[in-house]
Amino acid sequence: MQAIESLSDLFKQLQGQYRIYDMGCCLSKLSSTDFQAFEAGQKAYPLPWLRHAWVGILLWPQAKQQAQATPTIWFLKFPLDERGQLIQASRDEFLNQLLETIGTNMLDQAAASEWAEQLKHSNLAFTPEQARMAAFHAHASLVLEQPASSYYTAVSQYMRSNQLDQNWQKLGLQGFADFAARLETHADWHQQVAQLPAPVLETLAVQLENQQLNHKLARAFIERGQSSSVEGEKVTCLRAVSQTPDAGSRQQWLAQLMASDVITGVEVLATITGKCSNDLLDPQLMALFLHQCAHDQGVFNGLVQELMYRPKLRGVVLAAFRAPERSPQLIQAIGALMGQNQS
């Protein structure tokens, strides 16, 4: 038997199947190749958040006839070093405890239950917030070819109705998660977006941030966000379109939100950091972002340091720090951040 030195080694010996998800800024699938390279210290974690890699792991039996059995699910947060790479000692401790408790028999229900109880006391374990947990279960049901939750039908019917201001209070969160995960199976409903009550809009948007919206749907959310004077609603719509392939429309809106003649709200800036950080690979958007953050030193320190942990963004941030067209306020904010890091 091959020596087990990582979770990836363990999964290769699993008599079943597995899928790994990033659970940080949104829910997205991680390839086994990327996760293996991360564990081996060959590359930084691609989607860090708060200096951790937030991972959801779904394990299930190989045979289709066993797929209705309760899957094994782990939620783990791995600490990262200053380069965004795994601090391997934390993983090694977890792996050793796992092997001592259940060995490689992770799909045995009794063994899995015993480990789940021990996992509650691990420093690596975490419980996703309610909306992210709902998204995970929605995606898991698709992977396992299981039916959606009992809340799904009511949400689907509501989204097709012409009475969006009625009966939405009875709709369940899991139903919205199931609806979002099955977005491709629904007829185009972009015209509904402008009429959705604010609580429904927010609940749905938090699930749509895990999906790639088509152009019409993304455009509908952007237009609602642009027409709203409420910062919270702008944030909601920004979350909904954060993963749409229509990056051009989203980036145009971001440029408007961060224009130099306005002061962008902290909630919007935090959402850009967490949900739309890839858009900041554009040097012009990065410059606007840093300019807006510089209005508040605490905001600047917190959000910029988070971006510095992103492998693809660190160089863009540092280039913006050296740009000749920096404002005096930005120069002061950069100096204060550097001084804090050196002290």
Foldseek 3Di string as FASTA:
>chain_A
DDDDDAVLSLQVPAQWDKWKWFLFLATDTDDSVLVVCLLVQNDADQADDPQWGWMKMWTFHHDLVRLVPDIQIFTFIFGADLQRGGPNVLRRVVVVVLCVQQNSPCHDPVSSVVVVVVLVPRPGGDDRPDLSVLLVVLVSCVVSVHDQDPLQVVVLVQLPDPCQVPDPVPHDLSNLSNCLVPVVVDDDRLVCQLVHDPVVLQSNLSNLLNDADDPSNLVSLLVNLVPDPDLVSVLSSLSNNLRHPPVVVSLVSLCVQLPPVDQHDLSNLVSCLSRNVVSVLPLVSVLSSLSNQLVDLVSNLVSVSRQCNNNSRVVSNVVSLVDPPDDPSSVVSVVVNVVVVVD
